[in-house]
Amino acid sequence: MDPQVRIEALTPADLQELLADHARYWGDRDLRPLHLAALIHEFPSTCLLARTEEGIGGYIIGFVAPSGVGYVHLIAIRDDMRGTGLGRSLYRAFARAAQRDGARTLKAITSVGNTGSIEFHRKLGFTANVVDDYNGPGRPMVVFARELGTEPFPIAAPGPRTGRGAAAG
């Protein structure tokens, strides 16, 4: 990770900034309703952002369920920061925080057509399975899962720049 990038807690003020600049992270998909302030208030250790000299480069919003699953609700990287390894760094920070909070497994979901997210998660060592009716009748989703080990996401060379934000859609 670039030494000019700091991983820190996502605040409600940061969330408002992200929502105002939503298209830089998600393109033409309007996922603003999925950005729940309650998650940031209730799970501050697992809602993180990557701050660069140019502002917020990316963010991850998630929590640890009582079952020991660290669930990533959203992860997104600003359009000019994709392919830099920032998503991997955010996932690594989330995994460490989730382990401290009792997680043994990580999970996330995305739509069946979000090939960029599927590729990204597979590169991070997640399994990817299509689950029919996951989001309701006729609404399949790809469910990602990964066991947490001692080193959640070894550092690797950044990949090619791909589409929009990764999880949740």
Foldseek 3Di string as FASTA:
>chain_A
DDPQKDKAWQAPVNLVVCQVVVCQFFNPDPPNVLSDNVQCVPARQQWIFIAGPVGTQKIWGWHADPVQEIETSWITGGQVCFQQCRSVVSVQSNLVSSVVVRHFKYKFKAFPPQVVQVVVLVLQVWDWDWDAQPVHHRGIIIMTMDGADPRRGDDDHGDDGDDHTHTDD
